[in-house]
Protein backbone atom coordinates (compact mmCIF):
# COMPACT_ATOMS: atom_id res chain seq x y z
CA MET A 1 95.70 72.02 100.34
CA TYR A 2 92.80 73.87 101.90
CA ARG A 3 89.17 72.90 101.61
CA ILE A 4 86.56 76.21 100.85
CA VAL A 5 83.12 77.07 100.78
CA GLY A 6 82.26 78.89 97.46
CA SER A 7 79.82 82.26 96.88
CA ASP A 8 77.66 79.56 95.64
CA GLY A 9 77.51 78.02 98.85
CA ALA A 10 78.57 74.43 97.84
CA GLU A 11 82.20 73.37 99.20
CA HIS A 12 85.30 72.90 97.40
CA GLY A 13 88.47 70.95 97.65
CA PRO A 14 90.92 70.05 98.26
CA VAL A 15 92.31 73.19 96.75
CA SER A 16 95.94 74.36 96.40
CA ALA A 17 96.57 77.65 97.62
CA GLN A 18 97.87 79.16 94.24
CA GLN A 19 94.31 78.32 93.24
CA ALA A 20 92.69 79.75 95.55
CA SER A 21 94.40 83.38 94.86
CA ASP A 22 93.74 82.76 91.19
CA TRP A 23 89.59 82.75 92.83
CA ILE A 24 90.14 84.99 94.53
CA ALA A 25 91.04 87.53 91.66
CA GLU A 26 88.63 86.02 90.04
CA GLY A 27 86.20 87.72 92.68
CA ARG A 28 84.61 83.75 93.39
CA LEU A 29 86.76 84.28 96.87
CA ASN A 30 87.01 87.19 99.23
CA ARG A 31 87.35 88.08 102.81
CA ALA A 32 84.24 86.70 104.47
CA SER A 33 85.10 83.07 102.41
CA ARG A 34 84.87 80.60 104.58
CA VAL A 35 88.16 77.79 104.51
CA GLN A 36 89.42 75.12 106.46
CA VAL A 37 93.33 73.46 106.39
CA GLU A 38 93.25 70.35 105.00
CA GLY A 39 93.94 68.43 108.20
CA GLY A 40 92.49 70.66 110.87
CA ALA A 41 88.84 70.78 112.28
CA GLN A 42 88.24 74.55 112.11
CA TRP A 43 86.46 76.75 109.65
CA GLN A 44 88.06 80.38 109.67
CA SER A 45 87.19 83.45 107.12
CA LEU A 46 89.85 83.67 104.57
CA GLY A 47 90.84 87.20 105.63
CA GLU A 48 92.51 85.46 108.63
CA LEU A 49 95.48 83.23 106.96
CA ALA A 50 98.60 85.31 106.32
CA GLU A 51 99.49 83.68 103.14
CA PHE A 52 96.54 85.26 101.33
CA ALA A 53 96.44 88.45 102.62
CA ALA A 54 98.64 89.63 99.24
CA ALA A 55 95.85 87.64 96.71
CA LEU A 56 93.16 89.94 99.10
CA ALA A 57 94.91 92.94 98.55
CA ALA A 58 95.42 93.09 95.03
CA ALA A 59 91.89 92.09 94.23
CA LYS A 60 88.90 93.93 92.53
CA PRO A 61 86.71 95.17 95.00
CA PRO A 62 83.57 93.13 94.10
CA THR A 63 80.56 94.12 92.39
CA ALA A 64 79.49 91.56 89.88
CA PRO A 65 79.74 88.85 92.86
CA SER A 66 77.00 91.13 95.09
CA THR A 67 74.23 90.46 92.13
CA PRO A 68 73.63 87.27 93.45
CA ALA A 69 71.43 88.76 95.58
CA ALA A 70 68.84 88.80 92.76
CA PRO A 71 67.60 85.02 93.49
CA ALA A 72 65.97 87.03 96.43
CA VAL A 73 62.93 88.13 93.89
CA PRO A 74 61.92 84.38 92.80
CA ALA A 75 62.38 83.64 96.57
CA ALA A 76 59.78 86.31 97.04
CA THR A 77 57.02 85.09 94.13
CA GLY A 78 57.34 81.63 95.66
CA ALA A 79 55.98 83.34 98.72
CA THR A 80 52.71 84.09 97.54
CA PRO A 81 50.48 81.60 98.39
CA ALA A 82 49.73 78.07 96.00
CA PRO A 83 45.35 78.47 95.30
CA THR A 84 43.15 75.88 97.17
CA SER A 85 41.99 72.99 94.46
CA GLY A 86 38.32 73.64 94.52
CA LEU A 87 38.26 69.67 94.52
CA ALA A 88 39.25 69.23 97.87
CA ILE A 89 36.40 72.14 98.66
CA ALA A 90 34.22 70.39 96.54
CA SER A 91 34.75 66.93 99.07
CA LEU A 92 34.52 68.61 101.86
CA VAL A 93 31.35 70.68 101.26
CA LEU A 94 29.68 67.35 99.55
CA GLY A 95 30.42 65.15 103.04
CA ILE A 96 29.25 67.15 104.77
CA LEU A 97 25.81 67.28 103.01
CA GLY A 98 25.86 63.49 102.76
CA LEU A 99 24.28 64.02 106.29
CA ILE A 100 21.42 65.49 105.29
CA THR A 101 21.66 63.44 102.35
CA CYS A 102 21.64 60.00 103.32
CA GLY A 103 25.10 59.46 102.08
CA ILE A 104 24.04 60.64 98.46
CA THR A 105 26.20 62.89 98.27
CA ALA A 106 28.66 61.75 100.34
CA LEU A 107 30.11 59.00 97.63
CA ALA A 108 31.00 62.23 94.66
CA GLY A 109 32.52 63.81 98.18
CA LEU A 110 34.88 60.87 98.76
CA VAL A 111 35.64 60.18 95.03
CA LEU A 112 36.41 64.22 94.13
CA GLY A 113 38.69 64.61 97.77
CA ILE A 114 40.94 61.21 96.19
CA VAL A 115 40.88 62.47 92.60
CA GLY A 116 41.90 66.31 94.45
CA LEU A 117 44.47 64.78 96.89
CA THR A 118 45.81 63.07 94.12
CA LYS A 119 46.50 66.45 91.96
CA ILE A 120 47.57 68.40 94.90
CA SER A 121 50.46 65.88 95.16
CA ARG A 122 51.50 65.83 91.88
CA SER A 123 51.72 69.36 91.67
CA GLN A 124 54.94 70.34 93.27
CA GLY A 125 53.21 72.73 95.43
CA ARG A 126 51.57 74.58 92.07
CA LEU A 127 47.90 73.80 94.15
CA SER A 128 47.13 73.49 98.50
CA GLY A 129 44.21 72.07 100.25
CA SER A 130 45.46 68.51 101.31
CA GLY A 131 44.09 69.19 104.04
CA LEU A 132 40.63 69.77 102.83
CA ALA A 133 40.99 67.21 100.84
CA ILE A 134 41.69 64.59 103.40
CA ALA A 135 38.39 66.12 105.35
CA GLY A 136 36.44 65.71 102.99
CA ILE A 137 37.46 61.95 102.19
CA CYS A 138 37.33 61.19 106.12
CA VAL A 139 33.87 63.36 106.62
CA SER A 140 32.21 61.59 103.50
CA GLY A 141 33.29 58.52 104.40
CA VAL A 142 31.96 58.29 107.55
CA PHE A 143 28.77 59.70 106.35
CA LEU A 144 28.61 57.11 103.32
CA LEU A 145 28.73 54.34 105.24
CA TRP A 146 26.10 55.99 108.04
CA GLY A 147 23.38 56.82 104.89
CA VAL A 148 23.95 53.35 102.71
CA PRO A 149 22.28 51.50 105.61
CA ALA A 150 19.64 54.23 105.88
CA VAL A 151 19.09 54.27 102.22
CA SER A 152 19.01 50.51 101.49
CA VAL A 153 16.77 50.06 104.60
CA GLY A 154 14.41 52.61 103.01
CA MET A 155 14.53 50.66 99.55
CA LEU A 156 13.62 47.27 101.56
CA LEU A 157 10.96 48.29 103.61
CA PRO A 158 8.39 48.37 100.89
CA ALA A 159 9.70 44.96 99.80
CA LEU A 160 9.93 43.55 102.95
CA ALA A 161 5.93 44.28 103.31
CA GLY A 162 5.52 43.49 100.23
CA ALA A 163 6.94 40.37 101.08
CA LYS A 164 4.43 39.72 104.10
CA GLY A 165 1.73 40.66 102.16
CA ARG A 166 2.24 37.68 99.58
CA ALA A 167 3.08 35.44 102.98
CA GLN A 168 -0.09 36.24 104.16
CA GLU A 169 -1.89 35.82 100.97
CA VAL A 170 -0.99 32.66 101.22
CA LEU A 171 -1.16 31.44 104.25
CA CYS A 172 -4.76 32.72 104.22
CA MET A 173 -5.58 30.61 100.52
CA SER A 174 -4.39 28.15 102.69
CA SER A 175 -6.93 28.03 105.10
CA LEU A 176 -9.87 28.92 102.30
CA LYS A 177 -8.18 25.44 100.48
CA GLN A 178 -9.26 23.70 104.01
CA LEU A 179 -12.85 25.09 104.63
CA ASN A 180 -13.62 24.59 101.37
CA LEU A 181 -13.24 20.53 101.19
CA GLY A 182 -14.51 20.77 104.64
CA LEU A 183 -17.76 21.73 103.30
CA LEU A 184 -17.80 20.08 100.15
CA MET A 185 -16.85 16.70 102.96
CA TYR A 186 -19.87 17.73 104.57
CA ALA A 187 -22.44 17.69 101.80
CA GLY A 188 -20.99 14.33 100.99
CA ASP A 189 -21.71 12.63 104.67
CA ASN A 190 -25.54 14.60 104.32
CA ASN A 191 -27.23 14.13 100.85
CA ASP A 192 -25.20 17.07 99.16
CA VAL A 193 -26.44 19.08 101.20
CA PHE A 194 -23.91 22.79 101.84
CA PRO A 195 -24.61 22.80 105.70
CA PRO A 196 -26.97 25.84 106.83
CA ALA A 197 -26.17 29.36 107.28
CA ASP A 198 -26.41 29.80 110.66
CA ARG A 199 -24.31 27.31 111.50
CA TRP A 200 -21.96 26.39 109.03
CA CYS A 201 -18.27 27.04 110.92
CA ASP A 202 -19.80 24.66 113.38
CA ALA A 203 -21.47 22.26 111.33
CA ILE A 204 -17.36 22.00 109.42
CA LYS A 205 -15.13 22.46 111.83
CA MET A 206 -15.23 18.27 113.23
CA TYR A 207 -13.50 18.27 109.29
CA VAL A 208 -10.71 20.31 109.35
CA ALA A 209 -9.86 19.39 112.72
CA SER A 210 -8.82 23.11 115.01
CA GLU A 211 -10.89 26.32 114.35
CA LYS A 212 -6.91 27.63 113.35
CA PRO A 213 -8.16 27.51 109.03
CA PHE A 214 -11.26 29.67 110.13
CA GLN A 215 -8.51 32.37 110.76
CA CYS A 216 -6.66 34.76 108.33
CA PRO A 217 -2.92 36.27 109.21
CA ALA A 218 -4.14 39.71 107.85
CA GLN A 219 -6.86 39.00 110.76
CA PRO A 220 -5.56 37.34 113.25
CA GLU A 221 -7.83 39.45 116.13
CA GLN A 222 -11.21 37.39 114.37
CA ARG A 223 -12.00 34.06 115.26
CA SER A 224 -13.14 33.21 111.62
CA SER A 225 -11.85 35.68 108.61
CA PHE A 226 -14.58 34.00 105.98
CA ALA A 227 -18.44 32.97 105.41
CA LEU A 228 -19.96 31.42 103.33
CA ASN A 229 -22.29 32.27 100.74
CA ALA A 230 -25.48 32.77 101.85
CA LYS A 231 -26.81 31.63 97.85
CA VAL A 232 -25.53 28.61 98.57
CA ALA A 233 -25.94 28.05 102.45
CA GLY A 234 -28.43 24.59 103.05
CA LYS A 235 -28.50 23.80 99.03
CA LYS A 236 -27.39 20.83 97.24
CA THR A 237 -24.12 20.40 95.72
CA THR A 238 -25.79 19.00 92.26
CA SER A 239 -28.12 21.89 92.28
CA ILE A 240 -25.06 23.98 90.91
CA LYS A 241 -24.66 24.68 87.89
CA GLU A 242 -21.23 25.89 87.37
CA PRO A 243 -19.04 24.95 90.07
CA GLY A 244 -16.32 26.26 88.76
CA ARG A 245 -17.44 29.86 88.91
CA THR A 246 -19.97 29.61 91.83
CA VAL A 247 -18.73 31.21 95.42
CA LEU A 248 -18.85 28.61 97.86
CA ALA A 249 -16.37 30.40 101.11
CA PHE A 250 -14.81 34.05 100.44
CA GLY A 251 -13.14 36.48 102.68
CA CYS A 252 -14.61 39.10 104.69
CA ALA A 253 -14.04 41.39 107.35
CA GLY A 254 -14.43 38.82 110.00
CA GLY A 255 -17.10 36.82 112.42
CA TRP A 256 -17.90 32.88 113.21
CA ASN A 257 -20.91 31.69 110.82
CA ARG A 258 -20.84 34.51 108.90
CA THR A 259 -22.78 34.46 105.72
CA GLY A 260 -23.44 37.20 103.00
CA GLY A 261 -22.72 38.18 99.57
CA GLN A 262 -20.47 40.37 97.11
CA GLU A 263 -21.42 43.62 99.50
CA LEU A 264 -19.28 41.71 102.60
CA ALA A 265 -16.59 40.31 100.50
CA SER A 266 -14.77 43.72 99.68
CA SER A 267 -14.39 44.37 103.48
CA HIS A 268 -11.55 41.88 103.23
CA LYS A 269 -8.13 43.40 103.57
CA HIS A 270 -4.91 41.99 102.17
CA VAL A 271 -1.65 44.58 100.88
CA ARG A 272 -2.04 43.87 97.12
CA ARG A 273 -6.39 44.71 98.56
CA VAL A 274 -7.29 41.13 96.49
CA VAL A 275 -10.03 38.96 98.19
CA PRO A 276 -9.18 35.10 98.62
CA VAL A 277 -12.24 33.05 97.62
CA GLY A 278 -12.99 29.59 97.42
CA PHE A 279 -15.39 27.90 94.55
CA ALA A 280 -17.84 25.04 94.63
CA ASP A 281 -15.88 23.04 92.44
CA GLY A 282 -12.91 23.46 95.30
CA HIS A 283 -10.67 25.62 93.97
CA VAL A 284 -9.19 29.16 95.59
CA GLU A 285 -8.18 32.19 94.41
CA LEU A 286 -7.11 35.07 94.87
CA VAL A 287 -10.16 37.36 93.21
CA PRO A 288 -9.60 41.68 93.01
CA PRO A 289 -12.42 43.56 94.21
CA ASP A 290 -13.56 44.68 90.57
CA ARG A 291 -13.53 41.04 89.42
CA LEU A 292 -16.03 40.15 92.12
CA ALA A 293 -19.24 41.19 90.16
CA SER A 294 -18.31 38.78 87.40
CA LEU A 295 -18.33 35.84 89.11
CA ARG A 296 -21.38 33.63 89.81
CA TRP A 297 -22.95 33.99 93.38
CA GLU A 298 -26.36 32.22 92.45
CA PRO A 299 -25.86 28.88 92.80
């Protein structure tokens, strides 16, 4: 019995000597065919075995069997390079552009890289560019992680500035509320007369416990960020006809014991360009500059 490697490259056996002789006659085996005697360890060519000499001599010269060289044509065709995936290329390009766009294009590059790599792996060799797709995914991921915080910070900065401005407005309103109450308390202790214009800050300081309420966070460098309505200074509270609309004190560019009117009020600067105004009835408001003229400045 023998084990034989046929012209198809496959190993057959064990087969009998008669079967092998029939294959020689059919042209499926020739002198160069590899054969191993069952139980042996050495492979030999068929022509080396004397028992097949007669069959090999009687065999027709191989004609058709030589044609299997034809498969070389498909092999040559398969050597043509597979086209590179456009998604892989686009992924890498968009990933690199993420450096300029703060990661915006990197998001698209990451998606295209993943899709491209999936299609390449499923193409069974019809598409190439897996290296480009992987590079695109990596580059896009890096610039996406770098760019998103940058964009987020850029978007948050205006919001943070706005929040800070509103916090300053709240503190400024609280300070003015204390000054308003101090002015009313002073008047209550002095025959219902508001303090004089030239020393109103000094006059009410005892009613607000410290100088801190005189300061607005928007103008921390000023000793006082508020002014007294000059038309109200030294006047009796009973002479004010509409205390709910009459300005008592307001924010301004600052100055200790400062007094003035509407022209001075617009100098107070907040993020939203509003002016804190205290009224003769004790309440306070944030008033836009275009509304200052509608307030009552005369008692």
